[in-house]
Amino acid sequence: MGRFAEAPVVDVRRAASRPTTRIGWLDSRHSFSFGHHHDPANTHHGVLLVSNDDTVAPGAGFETHPHRDMEIVTWVVDGSLVHRDSTGHKGIITPGEAQRMSAGTGILHSEKNDSWTLAGDHHTTPVHFVQMWVVPDTAGVDPGYEQLDISGELASGGLVVVATGMDRYADAAAIRIRNSHAALHAARLPAGGSVLLPEAPWLHLFVARGAVDLEGVGALAEGDAVRFTATGGQRVAAREDAELLVWEMHATLAA
């Protein structure tokens, strides 16, 4: 991993520009190369390899499949998502809950919109979630899983640390990822509310819901993303109720 950024860059990526995968039960929009959508000039930003904005129909989802040597963080925006894996973990992820799966030496898991198989009544609500992958510091570790409700912290309206391996956030109420150079922040902003972005060599801002104004750029709509290099500290103000996901990264992958 590299530790030094280049000249300051603010690179806006509009929602409509992202490649999509649509297969009946799934509407998936990819911020980076994913699956059969491969662009050698768009493989990562910092240590973030995947940021998929997914909507899954009720009763459907990703059947059991493998992962290895990846830190996978899932953030539900609306609805509920059921996780099951080969280490015995299972549970329902809902908005305000952070979830991390460390694939390590290898893990099998499924993600489906069928919460009634574990609790509650049958429903007909799609689930909307963002799944993000970062590279771990060390390959070949044991698989792991963590889920944490941080809805109370999000009610403050500020940036909340969701997932991190960075020492500076060691005291934060957050899930832990095995990358000591990265942290994921989230904010739920009421209309008129605002936050300052952290300063870091690499940042990735994603508007998961609503619309905002970014200082120096202007309006961002739901699904828009911004990649910052060697900059940060800009103010983001909500035009309407909005939800933000912000990766702060102090390393990048080799080109």
Protein backbone atom coordinates (compact mmCIF):
# COMPACT_ATOMS: atom_id res chain seq x y z
CA MET A 1 0.00 0.00 0.00
CA GLY A 2 1.14 3.53 -0.75
CA ARG A 3 1.04 6.26 1.87
CA PHE A 4 1.47 9.48 -0.13
CA ALA A 5 -1.20 11.31 -2.14
CA GLU A 6 -0.75 13.32 -5.30
CA ALA A 7 -1.86 16.89 -6.06
CA PRO A 8 -5.30 17.91 -4.73
CA VAL A 9 -8.18 16.54 -6.82
CA VAL A 10 -11.96 16.64 -6.33
CA ASP A 11 -13.47 14.15 -8.79
CA VAL A 12 -17.29 14.12 -8.97
CA ARG A 13 -18.90 10.89 -10.20
CA ARG A 14 -22.61 11.27 -10.98
CA ALA A 15 -25.04 8.45 -10.29
CA ALA A 16 -26.06 8.16 -13.93
CA SER A 17 -22.45 7.55 -15.00
CA ARG A 18 -22.02 4.36 -12.99
CA PRO A 19 -22.24 0.94 -14.65
CA THR A 20 -25.29 -1.06 -13.55
CA THR A 21 -26.32 -4.67 -13.22
CA ARG A 22 -30.06 -5.34 -13.52
CA ILE A 23 -31.32 -8.93 -13.38
CA GLY A 24 -34.96 -8.82 -12.34
CA TRP A 25 -34.58 -9.08 -8.57
CA LEU A 26 -31.45 -6.89 -8.41
CA ASP A 27 -30.65 -3.30 -9.33
CA SER A 28 -26.95 -2.81 -8.58
CA ARG A 29 -24.96 0.35 -9.36
CA HIS A 30 -21.17 0.05 -9.18
CA SER A 31 -18.80 2.87 -8.24
CA PHE A 32 -15.76 0.79 -9.29
CA SER A 33 -15.05 -2.11 -11.63
CA PHE A 34 -17.16 -5.07 -10.55
CA GLY A 35 -18.16 -8.37 -12.11
CA HIS A 36 -18.27 -8.13 -15.89
CA HIS A 37 -17.96 -4.32 -15.66
CA HIS A 38 -14.20 -3.88 -15.85
CA ASP A 39 -12.44 -0.58 -16.42
CA PRO A 40 -8.68 -0.68 -15.75
CA ALA A 41 -8.80 3.05 -14.98
CA ASN A 42 -11.49 2.56 -12.31
CA THR A 43 -10.47 -0.23 -9.97
CA HIS A 44 -10.23 1.55 -6.59
CA HIS A 45 -9.79 4.80 -4.70
CA GLY A 46 -7.47 4.66 -1.73
CA VAL A 47 -8.05 1.19 -0.27
CA LEU A 48 -11.72 1.10 -1.31
CA LEU A 49 -12.24 -1.54 -4.00
CA VAL A 50 -16.02 -1.88 -4.11
CA SER A 51 -18.94 0.44 -3.37
CA ASN A 52 -22.12 -1.14 -4.72
CA ASP A 53 -25.48 0.56 -4.32
CA ASP A 54 -27.93 -2.37 -4.34
CA THR A 55 -31.71 -2.74 -4.31
CA VAL A 56 -33.01 -6.30 -3.87
CA ALA A 57 -36.60 -7.46 -4.26
CA PRO A 58 -38.40 -9.20 -1.36
CA GLY A 59 -37.73 -12.92 -1.12
CA ALA A 60 -34.66 -12.64 -3.35
CA GLY A 61 -30.96 -12.02 -2.84
CA PHE A 62 -27.44 -13.32 -3.16
CA GLU A 63 -27.32 -17.06 -2.56
CA THR A 64 -24.38 -18.65 -0.74
CA HIS A 65 -21.08 -17.62 -2.34
CA PRO A 66 -17.41 -17.39 -1.28
CA HIS A 67 -15.10 -14.52 -0.33
CA ARG A 68 -11.46 -14.43 0.72
CA ASP A 69 -9.08 -11.80 2.17
CA MET A 70 -11.48 -8.86 2.12
CA GLU A 71 -13.09 -6.58 4.71
CA ILE A 72 -16.74 -6.23 3.68
CA VAL A 73 -18.91 -3.54 5.29
CA THR A 74 -22.66 -3.46 4.62
CA TRP A 75 -24.88 -0.44 5.33
CA VAL A 76 -28.66 -0.75 4.98
CA VAL A 77 -30.41 2.45 3.86
CA ASP A 78 -34.01 1.12 3.73
CA GLY A 79 -35.59 -2.24 4.47
CA SER A 80 -33.84 -5.24 6.00
CA LEU A 81 -31.16 -7.70 4.90
CA VAL A 82 -30.57 -11.21 6.24
CA HIS A 83 -26.97 -12.40 6.59
CA ARG A 84 -25.97 -16.06 7.01
CA ASP A 85 -22.40 -17.40 6.84
CA SER A 86 -20.37 -20.58 7.16
CA THR A 87 -18.97 -19.58 10.58
CA GLY A 88 -22.48 -19.80 12.06
CA HIS A 89 -23.38 -16.12 12.14
CA LYS A 90 -26.83 -15.05 11.04
CA GLY A 91 -28.92 -11.97 11.64
CA ILE A 92 -31.11 -9.21 10.27
CA ILE A 93 -29.42 -5.91 9.37
CA THR A 94 -31.64 -2.82 9.45
CA PRO A 95 -30.98 0.93 9.02
CA GLY A 96 -28.69 2.28 11.72
CA GLU A 97 -26.82 -1.02 12.13
CA ALA A 98 -23.24 -1.41 10.98
CA GLN A 99 -22.11 -4.84 9.80
CA ARG A 100 -18.65 -6.15 8.98
CA MET A 101 -17.57 -9.51 7.62
CA SER A 102 -13.86 -10.34 7.47
CA ALA A 103 -13.48 -12.99 4.78
CA GLY A 104 -9.94 -13.91 5.84
CA THR A 105 -8.85 -17.40 4.85
CA GLY A 106 -12.24 -18.00 3.29
CA ILE A 107 -15.92 -17.73 4.11
CA LEU A 108 -19.26 -18.58 2.52
CA HIS A 109 -22.24 -16.31 3.02
CA SER A 110 -25.63 -15.32 1.68
CA GLU A 111 -27.52 -12.00 1.75
CA LYS A 112 -31.25 -12.05 1.16
CA ASN A 113 -34.32 -9.90 1.61
CA ASP A 114 -36.28 -12.49 3.62
CA SER A 115 -36.32 -11.33 7.25
CA TRP A 116 -39.48 -13.35 7.91
CA THR A 117 -37.35 -16.53 7.83
CA LEU A 118 -35.82 -15.37 11.11
CA ALA A 119 -38.44 -13.09 12.68
CA GLY A 120 -41.64 -11.18 11.96
CA ASP A 121 -44.20 -11.27 9.20
CA HIS A 122 -43.78 -11.66 5.48
CA HIS A 123 -43.27 -8.31 3.75
CA THR A 124 -43.12 -6.91 0.23
CA THR A 125 -40.54 -4.15 0.82
CA PRO A 126 -37.33 -3.99 -1.26
CA VAL A 127 -34.06 -3.61 0.65
CA HIS A 128 -31.68 -0.81 -0.34
CA PHE A 129 -28.12 -1.15 0.91
CA VAL A 130 -24.56 -0.11 0.13
CA GLN A 131 -21.84 -2.75 0.28
CA MET A 132 -18.21 -1.67 0.47
CA TRP A 133 -14.99 -3.71 0.31
CA VAL A 134 -11.55 -2.68 1.56
CA VAL A 135 -8.33 -4.66 1.48
CA PRO A 136 -7.08 -5.90 4.88
CA ASP A 137 -3.58 -5.11 6.15
CA THR A 138 -2.73 -8.81 6.33
CA ALA A 139 -3.97 -11.72 4.24
CA GLY A 140 -4.79 -15.15 5.62
CA VAL A 141 -6.36 -14.17 8.96
CA ASP A 142 -9.29 -15.97 10.54
CA PRO A 143 -12.74 -15.01 9.23
CA GLY A 144 -14.81 -12.77 11.49
CA TYR A 145 -18.16 -11.02 11.84
CA GLU A 146 -19.46 -8.01 13.75
CA GLN A 147 -22.79 -6.18 13.85
CA LEU A 148 -23.47 -3.05 15.91
CA ASP A 149 -26.46 -0.70 16.31
CA ILE A 150 -25.23 2.92 16.09
CA SER A 151 -28.60 4.58 15.49
CA GLY A 152 -28.29 6.52 18.74
CA GLU A 153 -25.01 8.08 17.63
CA LEU A 154 -26.45 8.90 14.20
CA ALA A 155 -29.24 10.90 15.82
CA SER A 156 -26.68 13.59 16.67
CA GLY A 157 -26.65 14.72 13.04
CA GLY A 158 -22.84 14.73 12.87
CA LEU A 159 -20.31 12.41 11.31
CA VAL A 160 -20.21 9.10 13.17
CA VAL A 161 -17.42 6.53 12.88
CA VAL A 162 -19.05 3.35 11.55
CA ALA A 163 -16.08 1.07 10.91
CA THR A 164 -12.36 1.56 11.48
CA GLY A 165 -9.00 -0.01 12.14
CA MET A 166 -7.30 3.33 12.78
CA ASP A 167 -5.71 4.02 16.16
CA ARG A 168 -7.08 7.58 16.23
CA TYR A 169 -10.62 6.17 16.44
CA ALA A 170 -9.85 3.39 18.89
CA ASP A 171 -12.33 4.80 21.43
CA ALA A 172 -15.19 5.19 18.95
CA ALA A 173 -18.28 3.01 19.25
CA ALA A 174 -17.71 1.36 15.88
CA ILE A 175 -17.18 -1.99 14.27
CA ARG A 176 -13.54 -2.94 13.67
CA ILE A 177 -12.01 -3.63 10.28
CA ARG A 178 -8.58 -5.10 9.69
CA ASN A 179 -7.18 -2.10 7.90
CA SER A 180 -5.27 0.39 10.04
CA HIS A 181 -5.39 3.12 7.36
CA ALA A 182 -9.15 3.48 6.85
CA ALA A 183 -12.34 4.58 8.57
CA LEU A 184 -15.93 4.75 7.37
CA HIS A 185 -18.06 7.63 8.67
CA ALA A 186 -21.81 8.12 8.26
CA ALA A 187 -24.10 11.08 8.83
CA ARG A 188 -27.86 11.49 8.85
CA LEU A 189 -28.48 15.15 8.15
CA PRO A 190 -31.79 16.94 8.53
CA ALA A 191 -32.59 19.55 5.90
CA GLY A 192 -30.29 22.49 6.57
CA GLY A 193 -27.85 20.42 8.63
CA SER A 194 -24.19 20.19 7.69
CA VAL A 195 -20.91 18.44 8.49
CA LEU A 196 -17.24 19.05 7.74
CA LEU A 197 -15.43 16.30 5.88
CA PRO A 198 -12.24 14.95 7.45
CA GLU A 199 -8.92 15.80 5.87
CA ALA A 200 -7.02 12.82 4.48
CA PRO A 201 -4.89 11.80 1.50
CA TRP A 202 -7.88 9.94 0.07
CA LEU A 203 -11.60 10.43 0.77
CA HIS A 204 -14.69 8.93 -0.82
CA LEU A 205 -18.06 10.62 -0.29
CA PHE A 206 -21.27 8.82 -1.28
CA VAL A 207 -24.76 10.35 -1.05
CA ALA A 208 -26.82 7.34 0.02
CA ARG A 209 -30.04 9.30 0.32
CA GLY A 210 -31.34 12.82 -0.30
CA ALA A 211 -29.54 15.80 -1.82
CA VAL A 212 -26.71 17.99 -0.53
CA ASP A 213 -24.45 20.87 -1.46
CA LEU A 214 -20.69 20.28 -1.36
CA GLU A 215 -18.54 23.32 -0.73
CA GLY A 216 -16.66 24.25 -3.90
CA VAL A 217 -18.68 21.85 -6.07
CA GLY A 218 -22.39 22.53 -5.65
CA ALA A 219 -25.35 20.18 -5.74
CA LEU A 220 -25.01 16.43 -5.29
CA ALA A 221 -28.00 14.12 -5.73
CA GLU A 222 -28.75 10.69 -4.32
CA GLY A 223 -26.27 8.18 -5.72
CA ASP A 224 -23.61 10.77 -6.56
CA ALA A 225 -20.07 10.21 -5.29
CA VAL A 226 -16.95 12.33 -4.95
CA ARG A 227 -13.35 11.12 -4.82
CA PHE A 228 -10.95 13.47 -3.03
CA THR A 229 -7.18 13.21 -3.31
CA ALA A 230 -4.86 15.19 -1.02
CA THR A 231 -7.69 17.38 0.24
CA GLY A 232 -10.67 17.46 2.58
CA GLY A 233 -12.27 19.70 5.17
CA GLN A 234 -15.08 20.84 2.86
CA ARG A 235 -18.55 21.43 4.28
CA VAL A 236 -21.48 19.30 3.11
CA ALA A 237 -24.93 20.82 3.71
CA ALA A 238 -28.23 19.00 3.28
CA ARG A 239 -30.79 20.42 0.86
CA GLU A 240 -33.26 17.89 2.27
CA ASP A 241 -32.98 15.02 4.73
CA ALA A 242 -29.87 13.16 3.61
CA GLU A 243 -27.59 10.27 4.51
CA LEU A 244 -23.86 10.29 3.74
CA LEU A 245 -21.15 7.63 3.73
CA VAL A 246 -17.56 8.91 3.89
CA TRP A 247 -14.40 6.79 3.69
CA GLU A 248 -11.31 8.42 5.19
CA MET A 249 -8.16 6.68 3.94
CA HIS A 250 -4.48 7.17 4.65
CA ALA A 251 -3.13 4.63 2.17
CA THR A 252 -3.82 3.52 -1.37
CA LEU A 253 -3.32 0.39 -3.39
CA ALA A 254 -0.51 0.15 -5.90
CA ALA A 255 -1.48 1.25 -9.40
